């Protein structure tokens, strides 16, 4: 198999994305990613991140890309988790990504990095590392209108994203 075939096997299951670190673990030299990008088989997304050129986009691509650009310990945070599930109207221009590490690389303006000293327990929604919906709703207090948070909690309960106990705790915190 060629290097591209190896990369395709991994990237096809990860929103068409492959990092140079992942490629190196597979035995693909970093220079091969650069060559594949010059040939038009990969698209350079950001520092150390590439996307398959022939990839069918999904509604979750921007979320997966934001998390991958920030780094391996990054996860979707707050409003972005709520937006991922369509639980309440949020600011679609910004994607919030949390990480325990300091990020020095330049990221696109639409990615807001939230530094979290302790890494919360993360879950995977649609294959993307994320804060749990319960924790996301709680972390949005003061950032989103209380009515929207309450609606998000109700919808999350209906969709099975939070338990009955968690929903009761969110309602109690909201004063309902």
N, C-alpha and C. Protein backbone atom coordinates (compact mmCIF):
# COMPACT_ATOMS: atom_id res chain seq x y z
N UNK A 1 0.84 -1.19 0.00
CA UNK A 1 0.00 0.00 0.00
C UNK A 1 0.88 1.25 0.00
N UNK A 2 0.36 2.28 -0.64
CA UNK A 2 1.10 3.54 -0.69
C UNK A 2 0.86 4.34 0.59
N UNK A 3 1.66 5.39 0.78
CA UNK A 3 1.48 6.26 1.94
C UNK A 3 0.07 6.86 1.92
N UNK A 4 -0.40 7.25 0.74
CA UNK A 4 -1.73 7.85 0.65
C UNK A 4 -2.80 6.86 1.11
N UNK A 5 -2.67 5.61 0.72
CA UNK A 5 -3.64 4.59 1.13
C UNK A 5 -3.66 4.44 2.66
N UNK A 6 -2.47 4.46 3.26
CA UNK A 6 -2.39 4.37 4.72
C UNK A 6 -3.08 5.56 5.38
N UNK A 7 -2.80 6.74 4.85
CA UNK A 7 -3.39 7.97 5.39
C UNK A 7 -4.90 7.96 5.20
N UNK A 8 -5.34 7.52 4.03
CA UNK A 8 -6.77 7.50 3.73
C UNK A 8 -7.53 6.61 4.72
N UNK A 9 -6.96 5.46 5.05
CA UNK A 9 -7.61 4.53 5.99
C UNK A 9 -7.91 5.20 7.33
N UNK A 10 -6.99 6.02 7.81
CA UNK A 10 -7.17 6.69 9.09
C UNK A 10 -8.05 7.93 8.94
N UNK A 11 -7.76 8.74 7.93
CA UNK A 11 -8.46 10.01 7.76
C UNK A 11 -9.94 9.83 7.40
N UNK A 12 -10.28 8.80 6.68
CA UNK A 12 -11.67 8.59 6.28
C UNK A 12 -12.58 8.44 7.48
N UNK A 13 -12.04 7.93 8.58
CA UNK A 13 -12.84 7.75 9.80
C UNK A 13 -12.75 8.93 10.75
N UNK A 14 -12.01 9.97 10.36
CA UNK A 14 -11.81 11.12 11.24
C UNK A 14 -12.07 12.43 10.48
N UNK A 15 -13.21 12.50 9.82
CA UNK A 15 -13.62 13.69 9.09
C UNK A 15 -12.61 14.12 8.03
N UNK A 16 -11.91 13.16 7.46
CA UNK A 16 -10.95 13.44 6.41
C UNK A 16 -9.67 14.08 6.91
N UNK A 17 -9.48 14.11 8.23
CA UNK A 17 -8.33 14.79 8.82
C UNK A 17 -7.25 13.80 9.24
N UNK A 18 -6.00 14.23 9.08
CA UNK A 18 -4.87 13.46 9.58
C UNK A 18 -3.81 14.45 10.05
N UNK A 19 -3.28 14.20 11.23
CA UNK A 19 -2.22 15.07 11.76
C UNK A 19 -0.87 14.48 11.37
N UNK A 20 0.13 15.31 11.36
CA UNK A 20 1.47 14.81 11.05
C UNK A 20 1.93 13.84 12.13
N UNK A 21 1.52 14.04 13.37
CA UNK A 21 1.88 13.13 14.46
C UNK A 21 1.27 11.75 14.23
N UNK A 22 0.00 11.72 13.81
CA UNK A 22 -0.66 10.45 13.52
C UNK A 22 0.02 9.75 12.35
N UNK A 23 0.35 10.52 11.32
CA UNK A 23 1.01 9.95 10.15
C UNK A 23 2.36 9.35 10.53
N UNK A 24 3.10 10.04 11.37
CA UNK A 24 4.41 9.52 11.79
C UNK A 24 4.27 8.23 12.58
N UNK A 25 3.23 8.13 13.41
CA UNK A 25 3.00 6.89 14.15
C UNK A 25 2.70 5.74 13.21
N UNK A 26 2.15 6.05 12.04
CA UNK A 26 1.84 5.03 11.04
C UNK A 26 3.04 4.72 10.15
N UNK A 27 4.13 5.46 10.37
CA UNK A 27 5.33 5.23 9.56
C UNK A 27 5.40 6.09 8.31
N UNK A 28 4.55 7.10 8.23
CA UNK A 28 4.55 8.01 7.08
C UNK A 28 5.38 9.24 7.44
N UNK A 29 6.48 9.49 6.74
CA UNK A 29 7.30 10.66 7.04
C UNK A 29 6.54 11.96 6.79
N UNK A 30 6.83 12.98 7.59
CA UNK A 30 6.14 14.27 7.46
C UNK A 30 6.30 14.86 6.06
N UNK A 31 7.43 14.64 5.44
CA UNK A 31 7.67 15.20 4.10
C UNK A 31 6.69 14.61 3.08
N UNK A 32 6.24 13.40 3.32
CA UNK A 32 5.27 12.77 2.41
C UNK A 32 3.93 13.50 2.44
N UNK A 33 3.55 14.02 3.61
CA UNK A 33 2.32 14.81 3.69
C UNK A 33 2.45 16.08 2.86
N UNK A 34 3.60 16.71 2.93
CA UNK A 34 3.86 17.92 2.14
C UNK A 34 3.79 17.59 0.66
N UNK A 35 4.41 16.49 0.26
CA UNK A 35 4.39 16.08 -1.15
C UNK A 35 2.97 15.79 -1.62
N UNK A 36 2.20 15.08 -0.80
CA UNK A 36 0.81 14.77 -1.16
C UNK A 36 -0.03 16.04 -1.27
N UNK A 37 0.26 17.03 -0.43
CA UNK A 37 -0.45 18.31 -0.51
C UNK A 37 -0.08 19.04 -1.80
N UNK A 38 1.18 19.00 -2.19
CA UNK A 38 1.61 19.66 -3.44
C UNK A 38 0.98 18.99 -4.65
N UNK A 39 0.75 17.69 -4.56
CA UNK A 39 0.13 16.95 -5.67
C UNK A 39 -1.39 17.10 -5.68
N UNK A 40 -1.95 17.74 -4.66
CA UNK A 40 -3.39 17.96 -4.62
C UNK A 40 -4.18 16.83 -4.00
N UNK A 41 -3.52 15.88 -3.37
CA UNK A 41 -4.24 14.76 -2.75
C UNK A 41 -4.64 15.08 -1.31
N UNK A 42 -3.91 16.02 -0.68
CA UNK A 42 -4.23 16.50 0.67
C UNK A 42 -4.30 18.01 0.63
N UNK A 43 -5.04 18.57 1.58
CA UNK A 43 -5.13 20.03 1.74
C UNK A 43 -4.54 20.37 3.10
N UNK A 44 -3.59 21.31 3.10
CA UNK A 44 -2.98 21.74 4.37
C UNK A 44 -3.98 22.64 5.09
N UNK A 45 -4.45 22.20 6.25
CA UNK A 45 -5.47 22.92 7.01
C UNK A 45 -4.83 23.90 7.99
N UNK A 46 -3.80 23.45 8.65
CA UNK A 46 -3.11 24.25 9.65
C UNK A 46 -1.85 23.53 10.07
N UNK A 47 -1.15 24.10 11.01
CA UNK A 47 0.12 23.52 11.43
C UNK A 47 -0.05 22.06 11.85
N UNK A 48 0.55 21.18 11.06
CA UNK A 48 0.54 19.75 11.36
C UNK A 48 -0.77 19.05 11.09
N UNK A 49 -1.68 19.67 10.32
CA UNK A 49 -2.99 19.06 10.07
C UNK A 49 -3.34 19.14 8.58
N UNK A 50 -3.78 18.02 8.05
CA UNK A 50 -4.14 17.92 6.64
C UNK A 50 -5.51 17.27 6.50
N UNK A 51 -6.19 17.60 5.39
CA UNK A 51 -7.50 17.01 5.08
C UNK A 51 -7.41 16.34 3.71
N UNK A 52 -8.09 15.23 3.55
CA UNK A 52 -8.16 14.58 2.25
C UNK A 52 -8.80 15.55 1.26
N UNK A 53 -8.24 15.66 0.07
CA UNK A 53 -8.78 16.57 -0.94
C UNK A 53 -10.14 16.08 -1.45
N UNK A 54 -10.31 14.78 -1.54
CA UNK A 54 -11.57 14.20 -2.03
C UNK A 54 -12.34 13.63 -0.85
N UNK A 55 -12.97 14.54 -0.13
CA UNK A 55 -13.69 14.16 1.08
C UNK A 55 -15.07 14.80 1.02
N UNK A 56 -16.10 14.04 1.32
CA UNK A 56 -17.46 14.55 1.32
C UNK A 56 -17.71 15.25 2.66
N UNK A 57 -17.98 16.55 2.63
CA UNK A 57 -18.16 17.29 3.89
C UNK A 57 -19.40 16.85 4.67
N UNK A 58 -19.32 17.05 5.99
CA UNK A 58 -20.45 16.76 6.88
C UNK A 58 -20.72 18.02 7.72
N UNK A 59 -21.85 18.08 8.39
CA UNK A 59 -22.14 19.24 9.24
C UNK A 59 -21.20 19.37 10.44
N UNK A 60 -20.47 18.31 10.75
CA UNK A 60 -19.60 18.32 11.93
C UNK A 60 -18.14 18.63 11.62
N UNK A 61 -17.81 18.87 10.37
CA UNK A 61 -16.42 19.08 9.98
C UNK A 61 -15.75 20.23 10.72
N UNK A 62 -16.44 21.35 10.86
CA UNK A 62 -15.81 22.50 11.50
C UNK A 62 -15.47 22.21 12.96
N UNK A 63 -16.31 21.44 13.64
CA UNK A 63 -16.05 21.07 15.03
C UNK A 63 -14.82 20.16 15.12
N UNK A 64 -14.79 19.13 14.27
CA UNK A 64 -13.66 18.20 14.28
C UNK A 64 -12.37 18.91 13.93
N UNK A 65 -12.42 19.80 12.96
CA UNK A 65 -11.23 20.53 12.55
C UNK A 65 -10.72 21.44 13.67
N UNK A 66 -11.62 22.13 14.34
CA UNK A 66 -11.22 23.02 15.43
C UNK A 66 -10.51 22.25 16.54
N UNK A 67 -11.06 21.11 16.93
CA UNK A 67 -10.46 20.30 17.99
C UNK A 67 -9.10 19.78 17.53
N UNK A 68 -9.01 19.31 16.29
CA UNK A 68 -7.75 18.78 15.77
C UNK A 68 -6.68 19.87 15.66
N UNK A 69 -7.08 21.07 15.29
CA UNK A 69 -6.11 22.17 15.18
C UNK A 69 -5.51 22.55 16.54
N UNK A 70 -6.32 22.50 17.57
CA UNK A 70 -5.83 22.88 18.90
C UNK A 70 -4.86 21.84 19.43
N UNK A 71 -5.13 20.57 19.23
CA UNK A 71 -4.17 19.55 19.65
C UNK A 71 -4.81 18.28 20.17
N UNK A 72 -3.96 17.30 20.49
CA UNK A 72 -4.47 15.97 20.85
C UNK A 72 -5.26 15.89 22.15
N UNK A 73 -5.06 16.79 23.09
CA UNK A 73 -5.81 16.74 24.35
C UNK A 73 -6.99 17.71 24.36
N UNK A 74 -7.26 18.32 23.22
CA UNK A 74 -8.32 19.32 23.12
C UNK A 74 -9.70 18.66 23.03
N UNK A 75 -10.71 19.43 23.44
CA UNK A 75 -12.08 18.94 23.33
C UNK A 75 -13.03 20.12 23.17
N UNK A 76 -14.15 19.86 22.52
CA UNK A 76 -15.18 20.87 22.31
C UNK A 76 -15.73 21.31 23.65
N UNK A 77 -16.03 22.60 23.79
CA UNK A 77 -16.38 23.15 25.09
C UNK A 77 -17.58 24.07 25.01
N UNK A 78 -18.38 24.08 26.07
CA UNK A 78 -19.45 25.05 26.27
C UNK A 78 -20.44 25.19 25.14
N UNK A 79 -20.57 26.42 24.65
CA UNK A 79 -21.55 26.73 23.60
C UNK A 79 -21.40 25.84 22.38
N UNK A 80 -20.17 25.46 22.07
CA UNK A 80 -19.94 24.65 20.88
C UNK A 80 -20.53 23.26 21.02
N UNK A 81 -20.55 22.72 22.23
CA UNK A 81 -21.19 21.42 22.46
C UNK A 81 -22.70 21.56 22.27
N UNK A 82 -23.25 22.65 22.78
CA UNK A 82 -24.68 22.91 22.62
C UNK A 82 -25.03 23.09 21.14
N UNK A 83 -24.17 23.79 20.41
CA UNK A 83 -24.39 24.00 18.98
C UNK A 83 -24.26 22.69 18.20
N UNK A 84 -23.30 21.85 18.56
CA UNK A 84 -23.09 20.57 17.89
C UNK A 84 -24.38 19.75 17.87
N UNK A 85 -25.11 19.80 18.98
CA UNK A 85 -26.35 19.02 19.10
C UNK A 85 -27.59 19.81 18.70
N UNK A 86 -27.42 21.10 18.38
CA UNK A 86 -28.55 21.92 18.00
C UNK A 86 -29.54 22.10 19.13
N UNK A 87 -29.04 22.21 20.36
CA UNK A 87 -29.92 22.30 21.53
C UNK A 87 -30.47 23.70 21.76
N UNK A 88 -29.75 24.72 21.30
CA UNK A 88 -30.18 26.10 21.49
C UNK A 88 -29.42 26.97 20.49
N UNK A 89 -29.98 28.13 20.15
CA UNK A 89 -29.25 29.05 19.27
C UNK A 89 -27.97 29.55 19.95
N UNK A 90 -26.86 29.51 19.24
CA UNK A 90 -25.59 29.98 19.76
C UNK A 90 -24.91 30.85 18.71
N UNK A 91 -23.76 31.39 19.04
CA UNK A 91 -23.00 32.19 18.09
C UNK A 91 -22.26 31.24 17.15
N UNK A 92 -22.71 31.11 15.91
CA UNK A 92 -22.10 30.15 15.00
C UNK A 92 -20.72 30.58 14.49
N UNK A 93 -20.35 31.82 14.74
CA UNK A 93 -19.06 32.32 14.25
C UNK A 93 -17.89 31.83 15.09
N UNK A 94 -18.15 31.44 16.33
CA UNK A 94 -17.07 31.06 17.24
C UNK A 94 -17.19 29.60 17.66
N UNK A 95 -16.04 28.93 17.72
CA UNK A 95 -15.98 27.56 18.21
C UNK A 95 -15.10 27.55 19.45
N UNK A 96 -15.64 27.05 20.55
CA UNK A 96 -14.91 27.02 21.82
C UNK A 96 -14.28 25.64 21.99
N UNK A 97 -12.97 25.64 22.19
CA UNK A 97 -12.22 24.40 22.36
C UNK A 97 -11.38 24.53 23.62
N UNK A 98 -11.49 23.56 24.51
CA UNK A 98 -10.73 23.58 25.76
C UNK A 98 -9.52 22.65 25.65
N UNK A 99 -8.48 23.01 26.39
CA UNK A 99 -7.28 22.19 26.44
C UNK A 99 -6.54 22.47 27.73
N UNK A 100 -5.87 21.47 28.28
CA UNK A 100 -5.07 21.71 29.49
C UNK A 100 -3.70 22.32 29.17
N UNK A 101 -3.34 22.31 27.91
CA UNK A 101 -2.01 22.79 27.52
C UNK A 101 -2.05 24.23 27.01
N UNK A 102 -0.91 24.87 27.12
CA UNK A 102 -0.75 26.21 26.54
C UNK A 102 -0.58 26.05 25.04
N UNK A 103 -1.30 26.86 24.28
CA UNK A 103 -1.24 26.79 22.83
C UNK A 103 -0.49 28.01 22.32
N UNK A 104 0.59 27.77 21.63
CA UNK A 104 1.40 28.88 21.11
C UNK A 104 1.20 29.12 19.63
N UNK A 105 0.70 28.11 18.93
CA UNK A 105 0.54 28.28 17.49
C UNK A 105 -0.62 29.21 17.18
N UNK A 106 -0.54 29.83 16.03
CA UNK A 106 -1.60 30.73 15.59
C UNK A 106 -2.77 29.90 15.06
N UNK A 107 -3.94 30.20 15.56
CA UNK A 107 -5.15 29.50 15.14
C UNK A 107 -6.07 30.47 14.42
N UNK A 108 -7.00 29.95 13.62
CA UNK A 108 -7.97 30.84 12.98
C UNK A 108 -8.76 31.64 14.02
N UNK A 109 -9.22 32.83 13.63
CA UNK A 109 -9.93 33.72 14.55
C UNK A 109 -11.22 33.13 15.11
N UNK A 110 -11.83 32.20 14.40
CA UNK A 110 -13.11 31.65 14.86
C UNK A 110 -12.96 30.57 15.94
N UNK A 111 -11.72 30.21 16.27
CA UNK A 111 -11.49 29.22 17.32
C UNK A 111 -11.06 29.94 18.59
N UNK A 112 -11.85 29.77 19.64
CA UNK A 112 -11.56 30.37 20.94
C UNK A 112 -11.04 29.27 21.85
N UNK A 113 -9.79 29.39 22.28
CA UNK A 113 -9.20 28.38 23.14
C UNK A 113 -9.48 28.73 24.60
N UNK A 114 -10.03 27.75 25.32
CA UNK A 114 -10.33 27.91 26.74
C UNK A 114 -9.34 27.04 27.49
N UNK A 115 -8.49 27.66 28.27
CA UNK A 115 -7.47 26.91 29.01
C UNK A 115 -8.10 26.34 30.26
N UNK A 116 -8.05 25.04 30.38
CA UNK A 116 -8.58 24.34 31.56
C UNK A 116 -7.43 23.58 32.20
N UNK A 117 -7.05 23.99 33.39
CA UNK A 117 -5.92 23.36 34.08
C UNK A 117 -6.14 21.87 34.30
N UNK A 118 -7.33 21.53 34.74
CA UNK A 118 -7.65 20.12 34.92
C UNK A 118 -8.53 19.68 33.77
N UNK A 119 -8.15 18.61 33.17
CA UNK A 119 -8.92 18.10 32.03
C UNK A 119 -10.16 17.39 32.56
N UNK A 120 -11.30 17.88 32.13
CA UNK A 120 -12.56 17.26 32.55
C UNK A 120 -12.71 15.90 31.90
N UNK A 121 -13.62 15.13 32.42
CA UNK A 121 -13.94 13.87 31.78
C UNK A 121 -14.60 14.21 30.44
N UNK A 122 -14.02 13.73 29.38
CA UNK A 122 -14.57 14.04 28.07
C UNK A 122 -15.32 12.83 27.52
N UNK A 123 -16.20 13.13 26.59
CA UNK A 123 -16.96 12.10 25.88
C UNK A 123 -16.77 12.35 24.39
N UNK A 124 -17.21 11.42 23.59
CA UNK A 124 -17.12 11.60 22.14
C UNK A 124 -18.53 11.65 21.57
N UNK A 125 -18.85 12.76 20.94
CA UNK A 125 -20.11 12.90 20.23
C UNK A 125 -19.76 12.98 18.75
N UNK A 126 -20.37 12.13 17.96
CA UNK A 126 -20.09 12.08 16.53
C UNK A 126 -18.59 11.91 16.27
N UNK A 127 -17.91 11.23 17.19
CA UNK A 127 -16.48 10.98 17.03
C UNK A 127 -15.58 12.15 17.39
N UNK A 128 -16.14 13.20 17.99
CA UNK A 128 -15.38 14.40 18.34
C UNK A 128 -15.28 14.49 19.86
N UNK A 129 -14.06 14.65 20.36
CA UNK A 129 -13.86 14.79 21.81
C UNK A 129 -14.60 16.04 22.28
N UNK A 130 -15.41 15.88 23.31
CA UNK A 130 -16.27 16.97 23.78
C UNK A 130 -16.45 16.92 25.29
N UNK A 131 -16.80 18.07 25.82
CA UNK A 131 -17.28 18.15 27.19
C UNK A 131 -18.67 17.51 27.17
N UNK A 132 -19.11 16.92 28.25
CA UNK A 132 -20.45 16.33 28.27
C UNK A 132 -21.49 17.44 28.13
N UNK A 133 -22.66 17.09 27.62
CA UNK A 133 -23.73 18.08 27.45
C UNK A 133 -24.10 18.69 28.79
N UNK A 134 -24.18 17.86 29.82
CA UNK A 134 -24.50 18.34 31.17
C UNK A 134 -23.50 19.42 31.60
N UNK A 135 -22.21 19.12 31.49
CA UNK A 135 -21.18 20.08 31.89
C UNK A 135 -21.17 21.31 30.98
N UNK A 136 -21.47 21.12 29.71
CA UNK A 136 -21.49 22.24 28.77
C UNK A 136 -22.59 23.24 29.13
N UNK A 137 -23.76 22.73 29.45
CA UNK A 137 -24.86 23.61 29.83
C UNK A 137 -24.50 24.37 31.11
N UNK A 138 -23.91 23.67 32.06
CA UNK A 138 -23.50 24.33 33.31
C UNK A 138 -22.42 25.39 33.07
N UNK A 139 -21.51 25.11 32.17
CA UNK A 139 -20.41 26.06 31.93
C UNK A 139 -20.86 27.29 31.14
N UNK A 140 -22.04 27.25 30.57
CA UNK A 140 -22.53 28.38 29.79
C UNK A 140 -23.32 29.40 30.61
N UNK A 141 -23.48 29.14 31.90
CA UNK A 141 -24.18 30.12 32.75
C UNK A 141 -23.43 31.44 32.68
N UNK A 142 -24.18 32.49 32.45
CA UNK A 142 -23.58 33.82 32.34
C UNK A 142 -23.14 34.16 30.93
N UNK A 143 -23.02 33.15 30.07
CA UNK A 143 -22.64 33.39 28.67
C UNK A 143 -23.85 33.35 27.76
N UNK A 144 -24.84 32.56 28.14
CA UNK A 144 -26.06 32.43 27.34
C UNK A 144 -27.26 32.86 28.21
N UNK A 145 -28.32 33.25 27.54
CA UNK A 145 -29.53 33.64 28.27
C UNK A 145 -30.08 32.44 29.04
N UNK A 146 -30.56 32.66 30.26
CA UNK A 146 -31.09 31.56 31.08
C UNK A 146 -32.21 30.78 30.39
N UNK A 147 -33.05 31.47 29.63
CA UNK A 147 -34.15 30.78 28.94
C UNK A 147 -33.60 29.79 27.92
N UNK A 148 -32.54 30.20 27.22
CA UNK A 148 -31.94 29.30 26.22
C UNK A 148 -31.29 28.10 26.89
N UNK A 149 -30.67 28.33 28.02
CA UNK A 149 -30.05 27.21 28.74
C UNK A 149 -31.10 26.24 29.24
N UNK A 150 -32.22 26.79 29.72
CA UNK A 150 -33.31 25.92 30.19
C UNK A 150 -33.87 25.12 29.01
N UNK A 151 -34.09 25.78 27.87
CA UNK A 151 -34.57 25.08 26.68
C UNK A 151 -33.58 24.01 26.23
N UNK A 152 -32.27 24.34 26.31
CA UNK A 152 -31.24 23.38 25.92
C UNK A 152 -31.28 22.16 26.84
N UNK A 153 -31.47 22.39 28.14
CA UNK A 153 -31.55 21.29 29.10
C UNK A 153 -32.76 20.41 28.82
N UNK A 154 -33.91 21.05 28.54
CA UNK A 154 -35.12 20.28 28.23
C UNK A 154 -34.94 19.44 26.96
N UNK A 155 -34.37 20.07 25.96
CA UNK A 155 -34.18 19.34 24.69
C UNK A 155 -33.16 18.22 24.86
N UNK A 156 -32.10 18.48 25.63
CA UNK A 156 -31.09 17.45 25.88
C UNK A 156 -31.72 16.25 26.59
N UNK A 157 -32.63 16.52 27.51
CA UNK A 157 -33.32 15.44 28.22
C UNK A 157 -34.18 14.63 27.26
N UNK A 158 -34.93 15.34 26.40
CA UNK A 158 -35.78 14.65 25.43
C UNK A 158 -34.97 13.78 24.47
N UNK A 159 -33.76 14.24 24.13
CA UNK A 159 -32.92 13.50 23.19
C UNK A 159 -32.02 12.48 23.88
N UNK A 160 -32.11 12.38 25.20
CA UNK A 160 -31.34 11.40 25.93
C UNK A 160 -29.87 11.76 26.13
N UNK A 161 -29.56 13.03 26.04
CA UNK A 161 -28.17 13.48 26.20
C UNK A 161 -27.81 13.76 27.65
N UNK A 162 -28.82 13.94 28.50
CA UNK A 162 -28.62 14.08 29.94
C UNK A 162 -29.60 13.15 30.64
N UNK A 163 -29.24 12.71 31.81
CA UNK A 163 -30.12 11.81 32.57
C UNK A 163 -31.21 12.63 33.27
N UNK A 164 -32.18 11.94 33.81
CA UNK A 164 -33.25 12.60 34.55
C UNK A 164 -32.66 13.36 35.75
N UNK A 165 -31.71 12.74 36.44
CA UNK A 165 -31.07 13.37 37.60
C UNK A 165 -30.31 14.63 37.19
N UNK A 166 -29.56 14.54 36.10
CA UNK A 166 -28.82 15.70 35.61
C UNK A 166 -29.77 16.82 35.20
N UNK A 167 -30.87 16.46 34.55
CA UNK A 167 -31.85 17.46 34.14
C UNK A 167 -32.44 18.16 35.36
N UNK A 168 -32.74 17.39 36.40
CA UNK A 168 -33.29 17.96 37.63
C UNK A 168 -32.28 18.93 38.25
N UNK A 169 -31.00 18.55 38.24
CA UNK A 169 -29.95 19.42 38.80
C UNK A 169 -29.84 20.72 37.99
N UNK A 170 -29.92 20.62 36.67
CA UNK A 170 -29.86 21.82 35.82
C UNK A 170 -31.06 22.72 36.07
N UNK A 171 -32.23 22.13 36.22
CA UNK A 171 -33.44 22.91 36.49
C UNK A 171 -33.35 23.59 37.84
N UNK A 172 -32.84 22.87 38.84
CA UNK A 172 -32.70 23.43 40.18
C UNK A 172 -31.69 24.60 40.17
N UNK A 173 -30.60 24.43 39.46
CA UNK A 173 -29.59 25.50 39.38
C UNK A 173 -30.15 26.74 38.67
N UNK A 174 -31.07 26.49 37.75
CA UNK A 174 -31.67 27.60 37.02
C UNK A 174 -32.79 28.26 37.82
N UNK A 175 -33.15 27.65 38.95
CA UNK A 175 -34.19 28.22 39.81
C UNK A 175 -35.58 27.88 39.35
N UNK A 176 -35.74 26.75 38.68
CA UNK A 176 -37.07 26.34 38.20
C UNK A 176 -37.57 25.15 38.95
